[in-house]
Protein backbone atom coordinates (compact mmCIF):
# COMPACT_ATOMS: atom_id res chain seq x y z
CA TYR A 1 11.67 -0.44 -7.39
CA HIS A 2 13.28 -3.60 -6.02
CA ALA A 3 14.25 -1.84 -2.79
CA ASP A 4 10.65 -0.63 -2.43
CA LYS A 5 9.33 -4.17 -2.93
CA ASP A 6 11.77 -5.44 -0.31
CA PHE A 7 10.63 -2.73 2.07
CA ALA A 8 6.97 -3.55 1.48
CA THR A 9 7.66 -7.23 2.13
CA ASP A 10 9.55 -6.51 5.34
CA PHE A 11 6.89 -3.99 6.35
CA ILE A 12 4.17 -6.64 6.05
CA SER A 13 6.22 -8.92 8.30
CA VAL A 14 6.74 -6.14 10.87
CA ILE A 15 3.00 -5.47 11.00
CA LEU A 16 2.25 -9.17 11.43
CA SER A 17 4.90 -9.55 14.13
CA SER A 18 3.59 -6.51 16.02
CA GLN A 19 0.20 -8.22 16.16
CA ASN A 20 1.63 -11.52 17.48
CA SER A 21 1.20 -13.25 14.12
CA GLU A 22 3.71 -15.18 12.09
CA PRO A 23 5.69 -12.98 9.68
CA LEU A 24 5.85 -13.86 6.00
CA ASN A 25 7.95 -16.91 5.32
CA LEU A 26 10.38 -17.07 2.41
CA THR A 27 7.85 -18.52 -0.03
CA GLU A 28 5.11 -16.07 0.95
CA SER A 29 7.59 -13.19 0.55
CA ALA A 30 8.48 -14.36 -2.95
CA LEU A 31 4.80 -14.74 -3.87
CA PHE A 32 4.02 -11.29 -2.46
CA LYS A 33 6.76 -9.75 -4.62
CA SER A 34 5.61 -11.62 -7.72
CA ILE A 35 2.03 -10.42 -7.18
CA LEU A 36 3.30 -6.83 -6.85
CA ASP A 37 5.24 -7.22 -10.09
CA GLU A 38 2.18 -8.57 -11.86
CA LEU A 39 -0.17 -5.89 -10.54
CA TYR A 40 2.16 -3.07 -11.47
CA GLU A 41 3.14 -4.45 -14.88
CA LYS A 42 -0.29 -5.50 -16.08
CA LYS A 43 -2.26 -2.91 -14.07
CA GLU A 44 -4.83 -5.62 -13.38
CA PHE A 45 -6.25 -4.41 -10.12
CA GLN A 46 -9.56 -2.88 -9.18
CA ARG A 47 -10.29 0.40 -10.93
CA TYR A 48 -11.30 2.66 -8.08
CA THR A 49 -13.71 5.54 -8.62
CA LEU A 50 -13.71 8.96 -7.04
CA LEU A 51 -16.51 7.78 -4.76
CA THR A 52 -13.99 5.37 -3.18
CA ILE A 53 -12.16 8.25 -1.48
CA LYS A 54 -15.21 10.29 -0.46
CA ASN A 55 -15.05 9.32 3.24
CA THR A 56 -11.30 8.77 3.63
CA HIS A 57 -9.88 11.69 1.63
CA ARG A 58 -12.62 14.32 1.79
CA GLU A 59 -10.45 17.31 0.75
CA ILE A 60 -9.02 15.53 -2.29
CA TYR A 61 -12.49 14.25 -3.20
CA GLU A 62 -13.96 17.77 -3.13
CA GLU A 63 -10.94 19.18 -4.96
CA LEU A 64 -11.40 16.67 -7.79
CA LEU A 65 -15.13 17.43 -7.97
CA ARG A 66 -14.30 21.15 -8.34
CA ILE A 67 -11.89 20.33 -11.18
CA GLY A 68 -14.73 18.60 -13.02
CA TYR A 69 -14.54 14.92 -12.17
CA GLN A 70 -17.66 12.93 -11.22
CA ASP A 71 -18.23 10.32 -8.49
CA SER A 72 -18.04 7.67 -11.20
CA SER A 73 -14.71 8.96 -12.62
CA PHE A 74 -11.89 6.45 -12.31
CA LEU A 75 -8.94 7.54 -10.20
CA ALA A 76 -6.57 6.05 -12.79
CA ASP A 77 -7.96 8.51 -15.36
CA ILE A 78 -7.04 11.67 -13.42
CA LYS A 79 -4.84 13.71 -15.71
CA GLU A 80 -3.68 16.41 -13.31
CA GLU A 81 -0.32 16.05 -11.57
CA GLY A 82 -0.08 15.26 -7.88
CA TYR A 83 -2.58 12.41 -7.81
CA GLU A 84 -0.29 9.52 -8.78
CA PHE A 85 -0.71 7.97 -5.32
CA LEU A 86 -4.37 7.32 -6.18
CA LYS A 87 -3.42 5.22 -9.22
CA LYS A 88 -1.74 2.39 -7.34
CA PRO A 89 -3.08 -0.95 -6.10
CA LEU A 90 -4.21 -1.21 -2.51
CA LEU A 91 -3.39 -3.99 -0.06
CA ARG A 92 -6.79 -5.57 -0.74
CA ASP A 93 -5.84 -5.92 -4.41
CA VAL A 94 -2.76 -7.94 -3.46
CA ALA A 95 -4.81 -10.02 -0.99
CA ASN A 96 -7.50 -10.64 -3.65
CA LYS A 97 -4.90 -11.74 -6.19
CA ALA A 98 -3.34 -14.12 -3.65
CA GLY A 99 -6.81 -15.46 -2.82
CA THR A 100 -7.56 -16.04 -6.50
CA GLU A 101 -4.26 -17.87 -6.99
CA SER A 102 -5.00 -20.05 -3.95
CA HIS A 103 -7.85 -21.59 -5.99
CA ASN A 104 -5.83 -22.02 -9.19
CA MET A 105 -5.84 -25.74 -9.95
CA GLN A 106 -3.07 -25.34 -12.52
CA ILE A 107 -0.42 -24.80 -9.84
CA LYS A 108 0.94 -27.17 -7.20
CA ALA A 109 -1.07 -27.79 -4.05
CA GLU A 110 1.87 -26.48 -2.00
CA ASP A 111 1.81 -23.18 -3.93
CA ARG A 112 -1.96 -22.91 -3.50
CA ALA A 113 -1.52 -23.36 0.25
CA ASN A 114 1.16 -20.65 0.36
CA TYR A 115 -1.07 -18.28 -1.62
CA ALA A 116 -3.91 -19.04 0.82
CA THR A 117 -1.82 -18.20 3.91
CA LEU A 118 -0.49 -15.07 2.20
CA ALA A 119 -4.04 -13.98 1.35
CA SER A 120 -5.12 -14.61 4.94
CA LYS A 121 -2.24 -12.60 6.39
CA LEU A 122 -2.78 -9.68 3.99
CA SER A 123 -6.54 -9.68 4.63
CA SER A 124 -5.88 -9.56 8.38
CA ILE A 125 -3.68 -6.50 7.96
CA GLU A 126 -6.26 -4.90 5.67
CA LYS A 127 -8.91 -5.34 8.38
CA LEU A 128 -6.86 -3.17 10.75
CA ASN A 129 -8.05 -0.23 8.59
CA ILE A 130 -4.74 1.60 9.03
CA PHE A 131 -2.83 0.30 6.04
CA SER A 132 -5.84 -0.29 3.81
CA THR A 133 -6.36 2.96 1.94
CA PHE A 134 -4.44 5.49 -0.11
CA ASP A 135 -1.87 7.78 1.54
CA LYS A 136 -3.23 10.84 3.29
CA VAL A 137 -0.03 12.71 4.03
CA ASP A 138 2.10 14.46 1.44
CA LEU A 139 5.49 15.25 2.90
CA GLN A 140 6.99 18.40 1.48
CA ILE A 141 10.68 19.21 1.19
CA ALA A 142 11.55 20.76 4.54
CA ASP A 143 14.57 21.22 6.77
CA VAL A 144 12.63 19.99 9.80
CA ILE A 145 9.60 17.73 10.08
CA SER A 146 7.69 17.62 13.34
CA MET A 147 5.18 14.91 14.19
CA ASP A 148 3.10 14.19 17.26
CA LEU A 149 3.20 10.43 17.80
CA ASN A 150 1.52 10.44 21.23
CA ASN A 151 -1.66 8.95 19.78
CA PHE A 152 0.29 5.87 18.73
CA LYS A 153 2.85 5.40 21.51
CA GLU A 154 0.78 2.83 23.43
CA SER A 155 -0.42 1.03 20.31
CA THR A 156 0.97 -2.33 19.28
CA LEU A 157 1.16 -0.79 15.82
CA PHE A 158 3.59 1.96 16.93
CA THR A 159 6.60 0.31 15.28
CA PRO A 160 4.93 -0.31 11.89
CA ILE A 161 3.38 3.17 11.87
CA PHE A 162 6.70 4.81 12.72
CA LEU A 163 8.45 2.67 10.11
CA ALA A 164 5.91 3.75 7.47
CA ILE A 165 6.41 7.43 8.36
CA PHE A 166 10.18 7.02 8.26
CA GLN A 167 10.06 5.24 4.90
CA LYS A 168 7.80 7.91 3.39
CA THR A 169 10.20 10.60 4.61
CA TYR A 170 13.16 8.65 3.26
CA LEU A 171 11.52 8.21 -0.15
CA ARG A 172 10.84 11.94 -0.39
CA ASP A 173 14.45 12.68 0.56
CA ARG A 174 15.74 10.14 -1.98
CA GLU A 175 13.57 11.65 -4.71
CA PHE A 176 14.88 15.13 -3.88
CA ALA A 177 18.50 13.90 -3.84
CA LEU A 178 18.08 12.29 -7.28
CA LYS A 179 16.54 15.49 -8.63
CA CYS A 180 19.51 17.49 -7.29
CA LYS A 181 21.96 14.98 -8.76
CA ARG A 182 20.42 15.34 -12.23
């Protein structure tokens, strides 16, 4: 979990750097990690409904409708296996939490300012509409994985996109290795 938080923090900085923005500073990184801890522990983030994924994840949306869920069903309430990725906070949830904390008068002005810059940076990334929704790709255990990255090779986001693909592949491999070890 801590390694994943570190990766997410570094990943945010890579995205910002690729877009000629300032990466997260030390304080913003610490605040980002603390927000992630809070969101995951307390599960206090927006409860998304099935309608949320209608346009972005059409196949999953239709699959869940066939199972018996409604547009108004909460993604967090899906009982079937394989949908855990829909039960996690999105980048906008982290940005919203940082924005809320930037107006908290019970913390130091310096901390409010750091929350405000963190919220601004996260909101900017969210507006790219690449890292702002749930995963779409489920990597299966395979000896070889082939990907066509030609669509991204000229993009300033090539490095972050490739890093995200690599990390997703690595996580799948790590999960498989732990399962084999057990």
